[in-house]
Amino acid sequence: MGSSLHSLENIPEGMVGAEIPEATYAVFTHNGNLDSLQETYEYIYGKWFQNWEYEPTGLNEFEFYDERFTGEEDSELYIYIPIKKKQ
């Protein structure tokens, strides 16, 4: 669970602040609960990037959870991976 903030001051208790740099991101939808999340990452890094003209930049990726993620099999979450054109 996360929140969008304009400042890293006064972070709500129980949360951690992180600055997400401006970048071009590939966005992937994970359908399912967290038990199968590793399979989605294996597909992204093991197959998808191998066959695409972009690659990860090395900056931190992040996951976005909203009301569509309930922890059940019909849940959705989004994986954001910063990318750059392959050289």
PDB file of N, CA and C in Angstrom:
ATOM      1  N   MET A   1       0.848  -1.150   0.000  1.00  0.00           N
ATOM      2  CA  MET A   1       0.000   0.000   0.000  1.00  0.00           C
ATOM      3  C   MET A   1       0.899   1.220   0.000  1.00  0.00           C
ATOM      4  N   GLY A   2       0.555   2.221  -0.716  1.00  0.00           N
ATOM      5  CA  GLY A   2       1.374   3.418  -0.797  1.00  0.00           C
ATOM      6  C   GLY A   2       0.526   4.645  -0.986  1.00  0.00           C
ATOM      7  N   SER A   3       1.200   5.758  -0.944  1.00  0.00           N
ATOM      8  CA  SER A   3       0.549   7.042  -1.105  1.00  0.00           C
ATOM      9  C   SER A   3       1.462   7.949  -1.902  1.00  0.00           C
ATOM     10  N   SER A   4       0.896   8.802  -2.696  1.00  0.00           N
ATOM     11  CA  SER A   4       1.677   9.778  -3.439  1.00  0.00           C
ATOM     12  C   SER A   4       1.822  11.035  -2.595  1.00  0.00           C
ATOM     13  N   LEU A   5       3.065  11.456  -2.426  1.00  0.00           N
ATOM     14  CA  LEU A   5       3.346  12.657  -1.638  1.00  0.00           C
ATOM     15  C   LEU A   5       4.179  13.620  -2.464  1.00  0.00           C
ATOM     16  N   HIS A   6       4.094  14.883  -2.133  1.00  0.00           N
ATOM     17  CA  HIS A   6       4.916  15.882  -2.806  1.00  0.00           C
ATOM     18  C   HIS A   6       6.160  16.210  -2.003  1.00  0.00           C
ATOM     19  N   SER A   7       6.234  15.697  -0.786  1.00  0.00           N
ATOM     20  CA  SER A   7       7.367  15.947   0.096  1.00  0.00           C
ATOM     21  C   SER A   7       7.604  14.706   0.943  1.00  0.00           C
ATOM     22  N   LEU A   8       8.861  14.450   1.280  1.00  0.00           N
ATOM     23  CA  LEU A   8       9.178  13.315   2.141  1.00  0.00           C
ATOM     24  C   LEU A   8       9.187  13.708   3.610  1.00  0.00           C
ATOM     25  N   GLU A   9       8.681  14.903   3.901  1.00  0.00           N
ATOM     26  CA  GLU A   9       8.533  15.324   5.287  1.00  0.00           C
ATOM     27  C   GLU A   9       7.184  14.821   5.796  1.00  0.00           C
ATOM     28  N   ASN A  10       7.108  14.552   7.066  1.00  0.00           N
ATOM     29  CA  ASN A  10       5.858  14.126   7.710  1.00  0.00           C
ATOM     30  C   ASN A  10       5.271  12.855   7.098  1.00  0.00           C
ATOM     31  N   ILE A  11       6.113  11.838   6.935  1.00  0.00           N
ATOM     32  CA  ILE A  11       5.649  10.545   6.434  1.00  0.00           C
ATOM     33  C   ILE A  11       4.738   9.923   7.498  1.00  0.00           C
ATOM     34  N   PRO A  12       3.574   9.409   7.121  1.00  0.00           N
ATOM     35  CA  PRO A  12       2.679   8.791   8.105  1.00  0.00           C
ATOM     36  C   PRO A  12       3.366   7.645   8.847  1.00  0.00           C
ATOM     37  N   GLU A  13       3.021   7.478  10.098  1.00  0.00           N
ATOM     38  CA  GLU A  13       3.603   6.424  10.921  1.00  0.00           C
ATOM     39  C   GLU A  13       3.345   5.062  10.288  1.00  0.00           C
ATOM     40  N   GLY A  14       4.354   4.226  10.300  1.00  0.00           N
ATOM     41  CA  GLY A  14       4.233   2.893   9.723  1.00  0.00           C
ATOM     42  C   GLY A  14       4.566   2.837   8.247  1.00  0.00           C
ATOM     43  N   MET A  15       4.869   3.991   7.650  1.00  0.00           N
ATOM     44  CA  MET A  15       5.223   4.040   6.232  1.00  0.00           C
ATOM     45  C   MET A  15       6.665   4.513   6.089  1.00  0.00           C
ATOM     46  N   VAL A  16       7.243   4.228   4.938  1.00  0.00           N
ATOM     47  CA  VAL A  16       8.603   4.634   4.618  1.00  0.00           C
ATOM     48  C   VAL A  16       8.538   5.490   3.367  1.00  0.00           C
ATOM     49  N   GLY A  17       9.270   6.597   3.351  1.00  0.00           N
ATOM     50  CA  GLY A  17       9.288   7.467   2.185  1.00  0.00           C
ATOM     51  C   GLY A  17      10.376   7.062   1.207  1.00  0.00           C
ATOM     52  N   ALA A  18      10.100   7.209  -0.068  1.00  0.00           N
ATOM     53  CA  ALA A  18      11.076   6.927  -1.114  1.00  0.00           C
ATOM     54  C   ALA A  18      10.816   7.871  -2.273  1.00  0.00           C
ATOM     55  N   GLU A  19      11.883   8.393  -2.831  1.00  0.00           N
ATOM     56  CA  GLU A  19      11.755   9.255  -4.005  1.00  0.00           C
ATOM     57  C   GLU A  19      11.855   8.386  -5.249  1.00  0.00           C
ATOM     58  N   ILE A  20      10.883   8.498  -6.125  1.00  0.00           N
ATOM     59  CA  ILE A  20      10.880   7.731  -7.368  1.00  0.00           C
ATOM     60  C   ILE A  20      11.324   8.671  -8.480  1.00  0.00           C
ATOM     61  N   PRO A  21      12.479   8.380  -9.086  1.00  0.00           N
ATOM     62  CA  PRO A  21      13.005   9.292 -10.097  1.00  0.00           C
ATOM     63  C   PRO A  21      12.171   9.288 -11.377  1.00  0.00           C
ATOM     64  N   GLU A  22      12.192  10.420 -12.048  1.00  0.00           N
ATOM     65  CA  GLU A  22      11.534  10.501 -13.348  1.00  0.00           C
ATOM     66  C   GLU A  22      12.270   9.576 -14.302  1.00  0.00           C
ATOM     67  N   ALA A  23      11.531   8.778 -15.036  1.00  0.00           N
ATOM     68  CA  ALA A  23      12.120   7.818 -15.967  1.00  0.00           C
ATOM     69  C   ALA A  23      11.031   7.319 -16.902  1.00  0.00           C
ATOM     70  N   THR A  24      11.443   6.565 -17.899  1.00  0.00           N
ATOM     71  CA  THR A  24      10.504   5.837 -18.731  1.00  0.00           C
ATOM     72  C   THR A  24      10.352   4.462 -18.098  1.00  0.00           C
ATOM     73  N   TYR A  25       9.122   4.040 -17.885  1.00  0.00           N
ATOM     74  CA  TYR A  25       8.865   2.776 -17.204  1.00  0.00           C
ATOM     75  C   TYR A  25       8.096   1.820 -18.103  1.00  0.00           C
ATOM     76  N   ALA A  26       8.473   0.547 -18.049  1.00  0.00           N
ATOM     77  CA  ALA A  26       7.630  -0.514 -18.589  1.00  0.00           C
ATOM     78  C   ALA A  26       6.720  -0.911 -17.435  1.00  0.00           C
ATOM     79  N   VAL A  27       5.433  -1.028 -17.700  1.00  0.00           N
ATOM     80  CA  VAL A  27       4.467  -1.340 -16.648  1.00  0.00           C
ATOM     81  C   VAL A  27       3.827  -2.688 -16.963  1.00  0.00           C
ATOM     82  N   PHE A  28       3.884  -3.572 -15.990  1.00  0.00           N
ATOM     83  CA  PHE A  28       3.349  -4.920 -16.138  1.00  0.00           C
ATOM     84  C   PHE A  28       2.232  -5.128 -15.130  1.00  0.00           C
ATOM     85  N   THR A  29       1.194  -5.821 -15.542  1.00  0.00           N
ATOM     86  CA  THR A  29       0.101  -6.170 -14.638  1.00  0.00           C
ATOM     87  C   THR A  29       0.310  -7.595 -14.154  1.00  0.00           C
ATOM     88  N   HIS A  30       0.304  -7.769 -12.840  1.00  0.00           N
ATOM     89  CA  HIS A  30       0.334  -9.110 -12.246  1.00  0.00           C
ATOM     90  C   HIS A  30      -1.088  -9.448 -11.836  1.00  0.00           C
ATOM     91  N   ASN A  31      -1.596 -10.545 -12.346  1.00  0.00           N
ATOM     92  CA  ASN A  31      -2.927 -11.028 -11.976  1.00  0.00           C
ATOM     93  C   ASN A  31      -2.764 -12.225 -11.057  1.00  0.00           C
ATOM     94  N   GLY A  32      -3.300 -12.126  -9.857  1.00  0.00           N
ATOM     95  CA  GLY A  32      -3.219 -13.228  -8.910  1.00  0.00           C
ATOM     96  C   GLY A  32      -2.763 -12.736  -7.550  1.00  0.00           C
ATOM     97  N   ASN A  33      -2.570 -13.689  -6.636  1.00  0.00           N
ATOM     98  CA  ASN A  33      -2.112 -13.308  -5.302  1.00  0.00           C
ATOM     99  C   ASN A  33      -0.583 -13.247  -5.271  1.00  0.00           C
ATOM    100  N   LEU A  34      -0.017 -12.991  -4.118  1.00  0.00           N
ATOM    101  CA  LEU A  34       1.433 -12.835  -4.009  1.00  0.00           C
ATOM    102  C   LEU A  34       2.184 -14.149  -4.174  1.00  0.00           C
ATOM    103  N   ASP A  35       1.507 -15.280  -4.008  1.00  0.00           N
ATOM    104  CA  ASP A  35       2.170 -16.575  -4.177  1.00  0.00           C
ATOM    105  C   ASP A  35       2.724 -16.758  -5.585  1.00  0.00           C
ATOM    106  N   SER A  36       2.110 -16.140  -6.572  1.00  0.00           N
ATOM    107  CA  SER A  36       2.549 -16.304  -7.962  1.00  0.00           C
ATOM    108  C   SER A  36       3.324 -15.096  -8.487  1.00  0.00           C
ATOM    109  N   LEU A  37       3.625 -14.132  -7.638  1.00  0.00           N
ATOM    110  CA  LEU A  37       4.321 -12.917  -8.089  1.00  0.00           C
ATOM    111  C   LEU A  37       5.705 -13.230  -8.650  1.00  0.00           C
ATOM    112  N   GLN A  38       6.428 -14.167  -8.045  1.00  0.00           N
ATOM    113  CA  GLN A  38       7.762 -14.526  -8.529  1.00  0.00           C
ATOM    114  C   GLN A  38       7.711 -15.011  -9.974  1.00  0.00           C
ATOM    115  N   GLU A  39       6.665 -15.730 -10.342  1.00  0.00           N
ATOM    116  CA  GLU A  39       6.513 -16.210 -11.719  1.00  0.00           C
ATOM    117  C   GLU A  39       6.401 -15.043 -12.692  1.00  0.00           C
ATOM    118  N   THR A  40       5.713 -13.989 -12.299  1.00  0.00           N
ATOM    119  CA  THR A  40       5.587 -12.812 -13.157  1.00  0.00           C
ATOM    120  C   THR A  40       6.951 -12.165 -13.364  1.00  0.00           C
ATOM    121  N   TYR A  41       7.723 -12.012 -12.291  1.00  0.00           N
ATOM    122  CA  TYR A  41       9.071 -11.444 -12.417  1.00  0.00           C
ATOM    123  C   TYR A  41       9.970 -12.328 -13.283  1.00  0.00           C
ATOM    124  N   GLU A  42       9.866 -13.639 -13.136  1.00  0.00           N
ATOM    125  CA  GLU A  42      10.675 -14.549 -13.954  1.00  0.00           C
ATOM    126  C   GLU A  42      10.335 -14.396 -15.431  1.00  0.00           C
ATOM    127  N   TYR A  43       9.061 -14.221 -15.741  1.00  0.00           N
ATOM    128  CA  TYR A  43       8.664 -14.000 -17.132  1.00  0.00           C
ATOM    129  C   TYR A  43       9.222 -12.668 -17.647  1.00  0.00           C
ATOM    130  N   ILE A  44       9.077 -11.618 -16.856  1.00  0.00           N
ATOM    131  CA  ILE A  44       9.533 -10.290 -17.290  1.00  0.00           C
ATOM    132  C   ILE A  44      11.026 -10.305 -17.598  1.00  0.00           C
ATOM    133  N   TYR A  45      11.826 -10.759 -16.631  1.00  0.00           N
ATOM    134  CA  TYR A  45      13.281 -10.708 -16.792  1.00  0.00           C
ATOM    135  C   TYR A  45      13.832 -11.873 -17.608  1.00  0.00           C
ATOM    136  N   GLY A  46      13.177 -13.023 -17.572  1.00  0.00           N
ATOM    137  CA  GLY A  46      13.688 -14.194 -18.269  1.00  0.00           C
ATOM    138  C   GLY A  46      13.276 -14.288 -19.724  1.00  0.00           C
ATOM    139  N   LYS A  47      12.143 -13.689 -20.081  1.00  0.00           N
ATOM    140  CA  LYS A  47      11.652 -13.796 -21.455  1.00  0.00           C
ATOM    141  C   LYS A  47      11.359 -12.451 -22.095  1.00  0.00           C
ATOM    142  N   TRP A  48      10.583 -11.640 -21.418  1.00  0.00           N
ATOM    143  CA  TRP A  48      10.094 -10.417 -22.042  1.00  0.00           C
ATOM    144  C   TRP A  48      11.237  -9.487 -22.433  1.00  0.00           C
ATOM    145  N   PHE A  49      12.125  -9.177 -21.494  1.00  0.00           N
ATOM    146  CA  PHE A  49      13.230  -8.273 -21.820  1.00  0.00           C
ATOM    147  C   PHE A  49      14.174  -8.882 -22.854  1.00  0.00           C
ATOM    148  N   GLN A  50      14.273 -10.186 -22.923  1.00  0.00           N
ATOM    149  CA  GLN A  50      15.155 -10.837 -23.893  1.00  0.00           C
ATOM    150  C   GLN A  50      14.699 -10.584 -25.331  1.00  0.00           C
ATOM    151  N   ASN A  51      13.419 -10.335 -25.514  1.00  0.00           N
ATOM    152  CA  ASN A  51      12.849 -10.186 -26.854  1.00  0.00           C
ATOM    153  C   ASN A  51      12.352  -8.778 -27.149  1.00  0.00           C
ATOM    154  N   TRP A  52      12.848  -7.810 -26.430  1.00  0.00           N
ATOM    155  CA  TRP A  52      12.384  -6.442 -26.604  1.00  0.00           C
ATOM    156  C   TRP A  52      13.573  -5.522 -26.782  1.00  0.00           C
ATOM    157  N   GLU A  53      13.395  -4.359 -27.386  1.00  0.00           N
ATOM    158  CA  GLU A  53      14.503  -3.449 -27.675  1.00  0.00           C
ATOM    159  C   GLU A  53      14.893  -2.564 -26.497  1.00  0.00           C
ATOM    160  N   TYR A  54      14.287  -2.777 -25.360  1.00  0.00           N
ATOM    161  CA  TYR A  54      14.608  -2.015 -24.151  1.00  0.00           C
ATOM    162  C   TYR A  54      15.128  -2.951 -23.078  1.00  0.00           C
ATOM    163  N   GLU A  55      15.832  -2.360 -22.117  1.00  0.00           N
ATOM    164  CA  GLU A  55      16.365  -3.120 -20.993  1.00  0.00           C
ATOM    165  C   GLU A  55      16.208  -2.298 -19.720  1.00  0.00           C
ATOM    166  N   PRO A  56      16.274  -2.939 -18.559  1.00  0.00           N
ATOM    167  CA  PRO A  56      16.176  -2.195 -17.301  1.00  0.00           C
ATOM    168  C   PRO A  56      17.353  -1.231 -17.154  1.00  0.00           C
ATOM    169  N   THR A  57      17.103  -0.094 -16.535  1.00  0.00           N
ATOM    170  CA  THR A  57      18.167   0.899 -16.331  1.00  0.00           C
ATOM    171  C   THR A  57      19.043   0.570 -15.135  1.00  0.00           C
ATOM    172  N   GLY A  58      18.543  -0.252 -14.240  1.00  0.00           N
ATOM    173  CA  GLY A  58      19.266  -0.527 -13.001  1.00  0.00           C
ATOM    174  C   GLY A  58      18.729   0.275 -11.828  1.00  0.00           C
ATOM    175  N   LEU A  59      17.851   1.249 -12.116  1.00  0.00           N
ATOM    176  CA  LEU A  59      17.188   1.967 -11.030  1.00  0.00           C
ATOM    177  C   LEU A  59      16.170   1.031 -10.388  1.00  0.00           C
ATOM    178  N   ASN A  60      15.733   1.365  -9.206  1.00  0.00           N
ATOM    179  CA  ASN A  60      14.786   0.506  -8.491  1.00  0.00           C
ATOM    180  C   ASN A  60      13.443   0.421  -9.196  1.00  0.00           C
ATOM    181  N   GLU A  61      12.936  -0.784  -9.287  1.00  0.00           N
ATOM    182  CA  GLU A  61      11.565  -1.006  -9.747  1.00  0.00           C
ATOM    183  C   GLU A  61      10.654  -0.827  -8.545  1.00  0.00           C
ATOM    184  N   PHE A  62       9.358  -0.718  -8.801  1.00  0.00           N
ATOM    185  CA  PHE A  62       8.426  -0.671  -7.679  1.00  0.00           C
ATOM    186  C   PHE A  62       7.108  -1.308  -8.081  1.00  0.00           C
ATOM    187  N   GLU A  63       6.358  -1.710  -7.071  1.00  0.00           N
ATOM    188  CA  GLU A  63       5.041  -2.311  -7.261  1.00  0.00           C
ATOM    189  C   GLU A  63       3.994  -1.322  -6.778  1.00  0.00           C
ATOM    190  N   PHE A  64       2.896  -1.233  -7.527  1.00  0.00           N
ATOM    191  CA  PHE A  64       1.796  -0.335  -7.179  1.00  0.00           C
ATOM    192  C   PHE A  64       0.570  -1.178  -6.852  1.00  0.00           C
ATOM    193  N   TYR A  65       0.084  -1.011  -5.636  1.00  0.00           N
ATOM    194  CA  TYR A  65      -1.105  -1.721  -5.164  1.00  0.00           C
ATOM    195  C   TYR A  65      -2.223  -0.701  -4.965  1.00  0.00           C
ATOM    196  N   ASP A  66      -3.404  -1.009  -5.473  1.00  0.00           N
ATOM    197  CA  ASP A  66      -4.562  -0.155  -5.206  1.00  0.00           C
ATOM    198  C   ASP A  66      -5.732  -1.057  -4.825  1.00  0.00           C
ATOM    199  N   GLU A  67      -6.943  -0.553  -4.945  1.00  0.00           N
ATOM    200  CA  GLU A  67      -8.114  -1.315  -4.506  1.00  0.00           C
ATOM    201  C   GLU A  67      -8.328  -2.602  -5.302  1.00  0.00           C
ATOM    202  N   ARG A  68      -7.671  -2.744  -6.441  1.00  0.00           N
ATOM    203  CA  ARG A  68      -7.808  -3.977  -7.231  1.00  0.00           C
ATOM    204  C   ARG A  68      -7.024  -5.140  -6.626  1.00  0.00           C
ATOM    205  N   PHE A  69      -6.118  -4.827  -5.684  1.00  0.00           N
ATOM    206  CA  PHE A  69      -5.381  -5.896  -5.015  1.00  0.00           C
ATOM    207  C   PHE A  69      -6.035  -6.213  -3.680  1.00  0.00           C
ATOM    208  N   THR A  70      -6.558  -7.433  -3.586  1.00  0.00           N
ATOM    209  CA  THR A  70      -7.217  -7.878  -2.351  1.00  0.00           C
ATOM    210  C   THR A  70      -6.484  -9.043  -1.707  1.00  0.00           C
ATOM    211  N   GLY A  71      -5.462  -9.565  -2.384  1.00  0.00           N
ATOM    212  CA  GLY A  71      -4.756 -10.730  -1.883  1.00  0.00           C
ATOM    213  C   GLY A  71      -5.334 -12.037  -2.391  1.00  0.00           C
ATOM    214  N   GLU A  72      -6.449 -11.954  -3.096  1.00  0.00           N
ATOM    215  CA  GLU A  72      -7.112 -13.148  -3.631  1.00  0.00           C
ATOM    216  C   GLU A  72      -6.606 -13.437  -5.048  1.00  0.00           C
ATOM    217  N   GLU A  73      -7.039 -14.563  -5.602  1.00  0.00           N
ATOM    218  CA  GLU A  73      -6.610 -14.986  -6.939  1.00  0.00           C
ATOM    219  C   GLU A  73      -6.986 -13.996  -8.044  1.00  0.00           C
ATOM    220  N   ASP A  74      -8.053 -13.222  -7.854  1.00  0.00           N
ATOM    221  CA  ASP A  74      -8.480 -12.275  -8.889  1.00  0.00           C
ATOM    222  C   ASP A  74      -7.896 -10.877  -8.670  1.00  0.00           C
ATOM    223  N   SER A  75      -6.854 -10.774  -7.854  1.00  0.00           N
ATOM    224  CA  SER A  75      -6.214  -9.483  -7.572  1.00  0.00           C
ATOM    225  C   SER A  75      -5.362  -9.009  -8.742  1.00  0.00           C
ATOM    226  N   GLU A  76      -5.118  -7.707  -8.765  1.00  0.00           N
ATOM    227  CA  GLU A  76      -4.199  -7.101  -9.730  1.00  0.00           C
ATOM    228  C   GLU A  76      -3.269  -6.157  -8.998  1.00  0.00           C
ATOM    229  N   LEU A  77      -1.997  -6.148  -9.412  1.00  0.00           N
ATOM    230  CA  LEU A  77      -1.049  -5.132  -8.984  1.00  0.00           C
ATOM    231  C   LEU A  77      -0.178  -4.810 -10.182  1.00  0.00           C
ATOM    232  N   TYR A  78       0.546  -3.716 -10.099  1.00  0.00           N
ATOM    233  CA  TYR A  78       1.326  -3.242 -11.232  1.00  0.00           C
ATOM    234  C   TYR A  78       2.793  -3.162 -10.853  1.00  0.00           C
ATOM    235  N   ILE A  79       3.640  -3.620 -11.764  1.00  0.00           N
ATOM    236  CA  ILE A  79       5.082  -3.603 -11.580  1.00  0.00           C
ATOM    237  C   ILE A  79       5.643  -2.564 -12.541  1.00  0.00           C
ATOM    238  N   TYR A  80       6.358  -1.588 -12.007  1.00  0.00           N
ATOM    239  CA  TYR A  80       6.977  -0.525 -12.801  1.00  0.00           C
ATOM    240  C   TYR A  80       8.482  -0.756 -12.827  1.00  0.00           C
ATOM    241  N   ILE A  81       9.044  -0.899 -14.032  1.00  0.00           N
ATOM    242  CA  ILE A  81      10.480  -1.120 -14.178  1.00  0.00           C
ATOM    243  C   ILE A  81      11.039  -0.026 -15.076  1.00  0.00           C
ATOM    244  N   PRO A  82      12.002   0.774 -14.568  1.00  0.00           N
ATOM    245  CA  PRO A  82      12.603   1.816 -15.396  1.00  0.00           C
ATOM    246  C   PRO A  82      13.413   1.182 -16.531  1.00  0.00           C
ATOM    247  N   ILE A  83      13.252   1.723 -17.738  1.00  0.00           N
ATOM    248  CA  ILE A  83      13.872   1.121 -18.920  1.00  0.00           C
ATOM    249  C   ILE A  83      14.661   2.139 -19.733  1.00  0.00           C
ATOM    250  N   LYS A  84      15.550   1.601 -20.574  1.00  0.00           N
ATOM    251  CA  LYS A  84      16.294   2.400 -21.558  1.00  0.00           C
ATOM    252  C   LYS A  84      16.452   1.542 -22.807  1.00  0.00           C
ATOM    253  N   LYS A  85      16.683   2.193 -23.925  1.00  0.00           N
ATOM    254  CA  LYS A  85      16.875   1.484 -25.186  1.00  0.00           C
ATOM    255  C   LYS A  85      18.186   0.700 -25.118  1.00  0.00           C
ATOM    256  N   LYS A  86      18.160  -0.542 -25.616  1.00  0.00           N
ATOM    257  CA  LYS A  86      19.379  -1.355 -25.632  1.00  0.00           C
ATOM    258  C   LYS A  86      20.408  -0.713 -26.543  1.00  0.00           C
ATOM    259  N   GLN A  87      21.663  -0.851 -26.164  1.00  0.00           N
ATOM    260  CA  GLN A  87      22.748  -0.271 -26.980  1.00  0.00           C
ATOM    261  C   GLN A  87      23.352  -1.293 -27.902  1.00  0.00           C
TER     262      GLN A  87
END
